[in-house]
């Protein structure tokens, strides 16, 4: 799916997850592991197209957080092993 994105979107995601991965790599100091980062970022990345109840929004946010966590933890494999070279 990543390869089907427009190039500008792919570059943006690569940089965003490069930064998140870099923060996660320093979680011993900053306490921001992949799950903590995902819980902070997920509500701003994807959301349901129409208003729903709080229970559905909570379920949706948890699913998106799991996806974001996976992308952070596997960003090197997903976006290329040289993701650290962005810095």
C-alpha atoms as a PDB file:
ATOM      1  CA  UNK A   1       0.000   0.000   0.000  1.00  0.00           C
ATOM      2  CA  UNK A   2       2.846   2.361   0.785  1.00  0.00           C
ATOM      3  CA  UNK A   3       4.120   2.128  -2.778  1.00  0.00           C
ATOM      4  CA  UNK A   4       0.698   3.114  -4.121  1.00  0.00           C
ATOM      5  CA  UNK A   5       0.786   6.493  -2.393  1.00  0.00           C
ATOM      6  CA  UNK A   6       1.615   9.658  -4.320  1.00  0.00           C
ATOM      7  CA  UNK A   7       5.303  10.493  -3.960  1.00  0.00           C
ATOM      8  CA  UNK A   8       4.672  13.609  -1.857  1.00  0.00           C
ATOM      9  CA  UNK A   9       2.596  11.617   0.636  1.00  0.00           C
ATOM     10  CA  UNK A  10       5.227   8.894   0.823  1.00  0.00           C
ATOM     11  CA  UNK A  11       7.965  11.434   1.508  1.00  0.00           C
ATOM     12  CA  UNK A  12       5.879  13.062   4.230  1.00  0.00           C
ATOM     13  CA  UNK A  13       5.127   9.721   5.901  1.00  0.00           C
ATOM     14  CA  UNK A  14       8.761   8.677   5.636  1.00  0.00           C
ATOM     15  CA  UNK A  15       9.904  11.840   7.391  1.00  0.00           C
ATOM     16  CA  UNK A  16       7.150  11.703  10.011  1.00  0.00           C
ATOM     17  CA  UNK A  17       7.853   8.093  10.919  1.00  0.00           C
ATOM     18  CA  UNK A  18      11.587   8.739  10.749  1.00  0.00           C
ATOM     19  CA  UNK A  19      11.174  11.378  13.461  1.00  0.00           C
ATOM     20  CA  UNK A  20       8.866   9.142  15.516  1.00  0.00           C
ATOM     21  CA  UNK A  21      11.282   6.222  15.191  1.00  0.00           C
ATOM     22  CA  UNK A  22      14.163   8.460  16.274  1.00  0.00           C
ATOM     23  CA  UNK A  23      12.182   9.588  19.347  1.00  0.00           C
ATOM     24  CA  UNK A  24      11.293   5.968  20.118  1.00  0.00           C
ATOM     25  CA  UNK A  25      14.954   4.963  19.923  1.00  0.00           C
ATOM     26  CA  UNK A  26      15.579   7.342  22.840  1.00  0.00           C
ATOM     27  CA  UNK A  27      12.672   6.077  24.951  1.00  0.00           C
ATOM     28  CA  UNK A  28      15.026   5.197  27.794  1.00  0.00           C
ATOM     29  CA  UNK A  29      15.558   8.911  28.294  1.00  0.00           C
ATOM     30  CA  UNK A  30      12.266  10.432  27.137  1.00  0.00           C
ATOM     31  CA  UNK A  31       9.794   7.669  28.183  1.00  0.00           C
ATOM     32  CA  UNK A  32       8.172   7.844  24.717  1.00  0.00           C
ATOM     33  CA  UNK A  33       8.088   4.286  23.438  1.00  0.00           C
ATOM     34  CA  UNK A  34       6.238   3.374  20.246  1.00  0.00           C
ATOM     35  CA  UNK A  35       2.929   2.821  22.048  1.00  0.00           C
ATOM     36  CA  UNK A  36       3.071   6.153  23.886  1.00  0.00           C
ATOM     37  CA  UNK A  37       3.907   7.967  20.647  1.00  0.00           C
ATOM     38  CA  UNK A  38       1.131   6.139  18.815  1.00  0.00           C
ATOM     39  CA  UNK A  39      -1.435   7.086  21.443  1.00  0.00           C
ATOM     40  CA  UNK A  40      -0.432  10.745  21.091  1.00  0.00           C
ATOM     41  CA  UNK A  41      -0.281  10.802  17.287  1.00  0.00           C
ATOM     42  CA  UNK A  42      -3.055   8.398  16.230  1.00  0.00           C
ATOM     43  CA  UNK A  43      -6.045  10.678  16.894  1.00  0.00           C
ATOM     44  CA  UNK A  44      -4.520  13.259  14.550  1.00  0.00           C
ATOM     45  CA  UNK A  45      -3.665  10.883  11.700  1.00  0.00           C
ATOM     46  CA  UNK A  46      -6.853   9.015  10.833  1.00  0.00           C
ATOM     47  CA  UNK A  47     -10.426   9.431  11.940  1.00  0.00           C
ATOM     48  CA  UNK A  48     -13.859   8.183  11.019  1.00  0.00           C
ATOM     49  CA  UNK A  49     -15.480  10.049   8.101  1.00  0.00           C
ATOM     50  CA  UNK A  50     -18.694  10.798   9.993  1.00  0.00           C
ATOM     51  CA  UNK A  51     -19.456  11.584  13.619  1.00  0.00           C
ATOM     52  CA  UNK A  52     -20.062   8.505  15.741  1.00  0.00           C
ATOM     53  CA  UNK A  53     -20.581   7.728  19.369  1.00  0.00           C
ATOM     54  CA  UNK A  54     -17.770   7.771  21.909  1.00  0.00           C
ATOM     55  CA  UNK A  55     -17.520   3.976  21.997  1.00  0.00           C
ATOM     56  CA  UNK A  56     -16.954   3.688  18.244  1.00  0.00           C
ATOM     57  CA  UNK A  57     -14.461   6.552  18.310  1.00  0.00           C
ATOM     58  CA  UNK A  58     -12.567   4.833  21.114  1.00  0.00           C
ATOM     59  CA  UNK A  59     -12.403   1.547  19.181  1.00  0.00           C
ATOM     60  CA  UNK A  60     -11.310   3.356  16.051  1.00  0.00           C
ATOM     61  CA  UNK A  61      -8.594   5.296  17.908  1.00  0.00           C
ATOM     62  CA  UNK A  62      -7.233   2.076  19.416  1.00  0.00           C
ATOM     63  CA  UNK A  63      -7.040   0.447  15.973  1.00  0.00           C
ATOM     64  CA  UNK A  64      -5.265   3.457  14.493  1.00  0.00           C
ATOM     65  CA  UNK A  65      -2.881   3.551  17.480  1.00  0.00           C
ATOM     66  CA  UNK A  66      -1.939  -0.082  16.859  1.00  0.00           C
ATOM     67  CA  UNK A  67      -1.267   0.715  13.208  1.00  0.00           C
ATOM     68  CA  UNK A  68       0.844   3.762  14.088  1.00  0.00           C
ATOM     69  CA  UNK A  69       2.762   1.742  16.679  1.00  0.00           C
ATOM     70  CA  UNK A  70       3.478  -0.932  14.065  1.00  0.00           C
ATOM     71  CA  UNK A  71       4.660   1.700  11.580  1.00  0.00           C
ATOM     72  CA  UNK A  72       6.969   3.287  14.177  1.00  0.00           C
ATOM     73  CA  UNK A  73       8.462  -0.028  15.260  1.00  0.00           C
ATOM     74  CA  UNK A  74       8.958  -1.222  11.676  1.00  0.00           C
ATOM     75  CA  UNK A  75       9.700   2.066   9.945  1.00  0.00           C
ATOM     76  CA  UNK A  76      13.117   0.913   8.720  1.00  0.00           C
ATOM     77  CA  UNK A  77      11.641  -2.090   6.928  1.00  0.00           C
ATOM     78  CA  UNK A  78       8.585  -0.207   5.650  1.00  0.00           C
ATOM     79  CA  UNK A  79      10.187   3.039   4.523  1.00  0.00           C
ATOM     80  CA  UNK A  80      13.700   1.835   3.853  1.00  0.00           C
ATOM     81  CA  UNK A  81      16.577   0.892   6.108  1.00  0.00           C
ATOM     82  CA  UNK A  82      18.259   4.264   5.626  1.00  0.00           C
ATOM     83  CA  UNK A  83      15.512   6.147   7.476  1.00  0.00           C
ATOM     84  CA  UNK A  84      18.075   7.347  10.025  1.00  0.00           C
ATOM     85  CA  UNK A  85      19.879   9.153   7.194  1.00  0.00           C
ATOM     86  CA  UNK A  86      17.037  11.698   7.180  1.00  0.00           C
ATOM     87  CA  UNK A  87      18.804  13.307  10.123  1.00  0.00           C
END
